[in-house]
Amino acid sequence: MQKDIHPRYIPTVVKCGCGNSFVTRSTQPEIKVDICNVCHPFYTGKLKFIDTAGRIEKFQKKFAAGYASLTKKAKKPVKAAASDEE
C-alpha cells in the first residue's frame, strides 16, 4: 500500500430511523440510515403494505384472472357519423 493516499478508517456509529444503533468501521464518524436489520420486513417477518390509492387491490384484480386478462381485446370499429350534406 502506498502511504498517505488512503482515507482514515475509524469506528463509526450507525443510527437507524427506528432508534437502533450499532458500531462498525467506516471513513465517516456517523451514518444515518432509514432502515436496518431490526426494522426491515425481511428480517422481522412482518410485512407492512402502505396503500393509499388502492394500488394493491387494483394489481390483484388485474392479474387475478391470469394470462387471459393480459391479452388485448379487439377494439370495436368506430361508426362514421352520417353527414347531412348530400
N, C-alpha and C. Protein backbone atom coordinates (compact mmCIF):
# COMPACT_ATOMS: atom_id res chain seq x y z
N MET A 1 0.84 -1.19 0.00
CA MET A 1 0.00 0.00 0.00
C MET A 1 0.87 1.24 0.00
N GLN A 2 0.43 2.21 -0.75
CA GLN A 2 1.16 3.48 -0.76
C GLN A 2 0.79 4.27 0.48
N LYS A 3 1.69 5.07 0.95
CA LYS A 3 1.44 5.86 2.15
C LYS A 3 0.73 7.16 1.79
N ASP A 4 -0.13 7.63 2.69
CA ASP A 4 -0.80 8.93 2.63
C ASP A 4 -1.77 9.10 1.46
N ILE A 5 -2.29 8.01 0.90
CA ILE A 5 -3.32 8.17 -0.14
C ILE A 5 -4.66 7.56 0.28
N HIS A 6 -4.66 6.77 1.33
CA HIS A 6 -5.88 6.10 1.76
C HIS A 6 -6.59 6.90 2.84
N PRO A 7 -7.93 6.89 2.86
CA PRO A 7 -8.67 7.63 3.89
C PRO A 7 -8.54 6.95 5.25
N ARG A 8 -8.80 7.72 6.30
CA ARG A 8 -8.77 7.17 7.66
C ARG A 8 -9.94 6.21 7.84
N TYR A 9 -9.69 5.09 8.43
CA TYR A 9 -10.71 4.07 8.68
C TYR A 9 -10.95 4.05 10.18
N ILE A 10 -12.11 4.59 10.62
CA ILE A 10 -12.37 4.81 12.04
C ILE A 10 -13.63 4.08 12.49
N PRO A 11 -13.81 3.88 13.80
CA PRO A 11 -15.07 3.33 14.30
C PRO A 11 -16.22 4.29 13.99
N THR A 12 -17.36 3.74 13.55
CA THR A 12 -18.48 4.53 13.10
C THR A 12 -19.75 4.09 13.81
N VAL A 13 -20.57 5.04 14.20
CA VAL A 13 -21.87 4.74 14.80
C VAL A 13 -22.93 4.85 13.69
N VAL A 14 -23.67 3.78 13.49
CA VAL A 14 -24.75 3.76 12.51
C VAL A 14 -26.06 3.89 13.27
N LYS A 15 -26.86 4.91 12.92
CA LYS A 15 -28.13 5.16 13.60
C LYS A 15 -29.26 4.97 12.61
N CYS A 16 -30.26 4.20 13.03
CA CYS A 16 -31.42 3.92 12.18
C CYS A 16 -32.59 4.82 12.60
N GLY A 17 -33.55 4.98 11.70
CA GLY A 17 -34.74 5.76 11.99
C GLY A 17 -35.62 5.12 13.05
N CYS A 18 -35.49 3.81 13.28
CA CYS A 18 -36.29 3.12 14.30
C CYS A 18 -35.72 3.31 15.70
N GLY A 19 -34.52 3.88 15.80
CA GLY A 19 -33.90 4.09 17.11
C GLY A 19 -32.74 3.14 17.38
N ASN A 20 -32.58 2.12 16.58
CA ASN A 20 -31.49 1.18 16.75
C ASN A 20 -30.17 1.83 16.33
N SER A 21 -29.08 1.49 17.01
CA SER A 21 -27.76 1.96 16.61
C SER A 21 -26.75 0.86 16.88
N PHE A 22 -25.69 0.84 16.07
CA PHE A 22 -24.61 -0.12 16.26
C PHE A 22 -23.31 0.49 15.76
N VAL A 23 -22.21 -0.13 16.15
CA VAL A 23 -20.88 0.39 15.81
C VAL A 23 -20.25 -0.51 14.76
N THR A 24 -19.68 0.10 13.76
CA THR A 24 -18.94 -0.60 12.72
C THR A 24 -17.74 0.25 12.38
N ARG A 25 -17.11 0.02 11.25
CA ARG A 25 -15.97 0.84 10.84
C ARG A 25 -16.22 1.41 9.46
N SER A 26 -15.81 2.65 9.28
CA SER A 26 -16.00 3.33 8.01
C SER A 26 -15.09 4.55 7.97
N THR A 27 -15.21 5.32 6.91
CA THR A 27 -14.45 6.56 6.80
C THR A 27 -15.23 7.74 7.37
N GLN A 28 -16.50 7.54 7.71
CA GLN A 28 -17.35 8.58 8.28
C GLN A 28 -17.51 8.33 9.79
N PRO A 29 -17.60 9.38 10.60
CA PRO A 29 -17.78 9.16 12.04
C PRO A 29 -19.20 8.74 12.41
N GLU A 30 -20.21 9.11 11.59
CA GLU A 30 -21.60 8.75 11.89
C GLU A 30 -22.36 8.56 10.58
N ILE A 31 -23.20 7.53 10.54
CA ILE A 31 -24.04 7.25 9.37
C ILE A 31 -25.47 7.13 9.84
N LYS A 32 -26.40 7.81 9.16
CA LYS A 32 -27.82 7.72 9.48
C LYS A 32 -28.51 6.97 8.34
N VAL A 33 -29.26 5.92 8.71
CA VAL A 33 -29.97 5.10 7.72
C VAL A 33 -31.47 5.10 8.03
N ASP A 34 -32.28 4.82 7.02
CA ASP A 34 -33.73 4.78 7.18
C ASP A 34 -34.22 3.44 7.71
N ILE A 35 -33.52 2.37 7.37
CA ILE A 35 -33.99 1.04 7.73
C ILE A 35 -32.79 0.16 8.05
N CYS A 36 -32.96 -0.72 9.02
CA CYS A 36 -31.86 -1.61 9.43
C CYS A 36 -32.40 -3.03 9.60
N ASN A 37 -31.55 -3.93 10.11
CA ASN A 37 -31.98 -5.32 10.27
C ASN A 37 -33.03 -5.51 11.36
N VAL A 38 -33.17 -4.56 12.28
CA VAL A 38 -34.16 -4.66 13.34
C VAL A 38 -35.56 -4.32 12.84
N CYS A 39 -35.66 -3.38 11.90
CA CYS A 39 -36.97 -2.93 11.44
C CYS A 39 -37.29 -3.33 10.00
N HIS A 40 -36.38 -3.98 9.29
CA HIS A 40 -36.64 -4.38 7.91
C HIS A 40 -37.61 -5.56 7.88
N PRO A 41 -38.65 -5.51 7.03
CA PRO A 41 -39.65 -6.59 6.98
C PRO A 41 -39.08 -7.96 6.67
N PHE A 42 -38.00 -8.04 5.91
CA PHE A 42 -37.40 -9.34 5.59
C PHE A 42 -36.89 -10.03 6.84
N TYR A 43 -36.28 -9.27 7.74
CA TYR A 43 -35.71 -9.85 8.95
C TYR A 43 -36.74 -10.00 10.06
N THR A 44 -37.73 -9.13 10.11
CA THR A 44 -38.72 -9.21 11.19
C THR A 44 -39.85 -10.18 10.87
N GLY A 45 -40.11 -10.43 9.60
CA GLY A 45 -41.20 -11.32 9.21
C GLY A 45 -42.54 -10.62 9.20
N LYS A 46 -42.57 -9.34 9.43
CA LYS A 46 -43.81 -8.57 9.43
C LYS A 46 -43.83 -7.67 8.20
N LEU A 47 -44.71 -7.98 7.27
CA LEU A 47 -44.81 -7.18 6.06
C LEU A 47 -45.84 -6.08 6.27
N LYS A 48 -45.47 -4.88 5.90
CA LYS A 48 -46.38 -3.75 6.01
C LYS A 48 -46.64 -3.21 4.61
N PHE A 49 -47.90 -3.18 4.22
CA PHE A 49 -48.26 -2.61 2.94
C PHE A 49 -48.88 -1.24 3.18
N ILE A 50 -48.26 -0.23 2.66
CA ILE A 50 -48.81 1.11 2.77
C ILE A 50 -49.50 1.38 1.44
N ASP A 51 -50.80 1.42 1.46
CA ASP A 51 -51.57 1.54 0.23
C ASP A 51 -52.61 2.63 0.40
N THR A 52 -52.32 3.78 -0.17
CA THR A 52 -53.24 4.90 -0.02
C THR A 52 -54.17 5.05 -1.21
N ALA A 53 -53.77 4.53 -2.35
CA ALA A 53 -54.57 4.74 -3.56
C ALA A 53 -55.20 3.46 -4.07
N GLY A 54 -55.20 2.38 -3.28
CA GLY A 54 -55.80 1.13 -3.71
C GLY A 54 -54.98 0.42 -4.77
N ARG A 55 -53.69 0.65 -4.81
CA ARG A 55 -52.85 0.07 -5.86
C ARG A 55 -52.75 -1.44 -5.74
N ILE A 56 -52.71 -1.95 -4.52
CA ILE A 56 -52.57 -3.39 -4.34
C ILE A 56 -53.82 -4.10 -4.82
N GLU A 57 -54.98 -3.61 -4.45
CA GLU A 57 -56.23 -4.23 -4.90
C GLU A 57 -56.36 -4.12 -6.42
N LYS A 58 -55.95 -3.00 -6.98
CA LYS A 58 -56.02 -2.82 -8.43
C LYS A 58 -55.12 -3.84 -9.13
N PHE A 59 -53.92 -4.05 -8.60
CA PHE A 59 -52.99 -5.02 -9.16
C PHE A 59 -53.55 -6.43 -9.05
N GLN A 60 -54.06 -6.79 -7.88
CA GLN A 60 -54.60 -8.13 -7.68
C GLN A 60 -55.81 -8.38 -8.58
N LYS A 61 -56.66 -7.38 -8.76
CA LYS A 61 -57.81 -7.52 -9.63
C LYS A 61 -57.39 -7.69 -11.09
N LYS A 62 -56.37 -6.95 -11.49
CA LYS A 62 -55.89 -7.00 -12.87
C LYS A 62 -55.29 -8.36 -13.21
N PHE A 63 -54.53 -8.94 -12.28
CA PHE A 63 -53.83 -10.17 -12.56
C PHE A 63 -54.48 -11.40 -11.94
N ALA A 64 -55.67 -11.27 -11.38
CA ALA A 64 -56.35 -12.41 -10.75
C ALA A 64 -56.79 -13.45 -11.77
N ALA A 65 -57.20 -13.02 -12.95
CA ALA A 65 -57.71 -13.95 -13.94
C ALA A 65 -56.59 -14.69 -14.66
N GLY A 66 -55.36 -14.31 -14.48
CA GLY A 66 -54.24 -14.99 -15.11
C GLY A 66 -53.85 -14.34 -16.41
N TYR A 67 -53.28 -15.14 -17.31
CA TYR A 67 -52.74 -14.62 -18.55
C TYR A 67 -53.82 -14.07 -19.48
N ALA A 68 -55.01 -14.64 -19.43
CA ALA A 68 -56.09 -14.21 -20.32
C ALA A 68 -56.45 -12.75 -20.11
N SER A 69 -56.29 -12.25 -18.90
CA SER A 69 -56.63 -10.85 -18.65
C SER A 69 -55.58 -9.90 -19.22
N LEU A 70 -54.41 -10.43 -19.58
CA LEU A 70 -53.35 -9.58 -20.10
C LEU A 70 -53.45 -9.37 -21.61
N THR A 71 -54.14 -10.26 -22.30
CA THR A 71 -54.24 -10.12 -23.75
C THR A 71 -55.15 -8.96 -24.09
N LYS A 72 -54.78 -8.26 -25.14
CA LYS A 72 -55.56 -7.10 -25.55
C LYS A 72 -56.83 -7.56 -26.25
N LYS A 73 -57.89 -6.87 -25.95
CA LYS A 73 -59.16 -7.18 -26.59
C LYS A 73 -59.26 -6.38 -27.88
N ALA A 74 -59.94 -6.96 -28.86
CA ALA A 74 -60.10 -6.29 -30.14
C ALA A 74 -61.00 -5.07 -29.96
N LYS A 75 -60.59 -3.99 -30.59
CA LYS A 75 -61.38 -2.77 -30.49
C LYS A 75 -62.57 -2.84 -31.42
N LYS A 76 -63.66 -2.26 -31.00
CA LYS A 76 -64.85 -2.22 -31.83
C LYS A 76 -64.65 -1.15 -32.90
N PRO A 77 -65.11 -1.41 -34.12
CA PRO A 77 -64.94 -0.40 -35.18
C PRO A 77 -65.79 0.83 -34.86
N VAL A 78 -65.24 1.98 -35.15
CA VAL A 78 -65.92 3.24 -34.90
C VAL A 78 -66.82 3.52 -36.09
N LYS A 79 -68.10 3.75 -35.80
CA LYS A 79 -69.05 4.04 -36.87
C LYS A 79 -68.88 5.47 -37.32
N ALA A 80 -68.87 5.66 -38.62
CA ALA A 80 -68.72 7.01 -39.17
C ALA A 80 -70.03 7.76 -38.96
N ALA A 81 -69.94 9.01 -38.62
CA ALA A 81 -71.13 9.83 -38.40
C ALA A 81 -71.74 10.18 -39.75
N ALA A 82 -73.04 10.02 -39.85
CA ALA A 82 -73.73 10.33 -41.12
C ALA A 82 -73.77 11.85 -41.29
N SER A 83 -73.40 12.29 -42.45
CA SER A 83 -73.41 13.73 -42.69
C SER A 83 -74.71 14.13 -43.38
N ASP A 84 -75.23 15.30 -43.10
CA ASP A 84 -76.47 15.79 -43.67
C ASP A 84 -76.23 16.60 -44.94
N GLU A 85 -75.01 16.66 -45.43
CA GLU A 85 -74.69 17.49 -46.58
C GLU A 85 -74.73 16.67 -47.86
N GLU A 86 -75.81 16.24 -48.34
CA GLU A 86 -75.88 15.49 -49.59
C GLU A 86 -76.55 16.25 -50.66
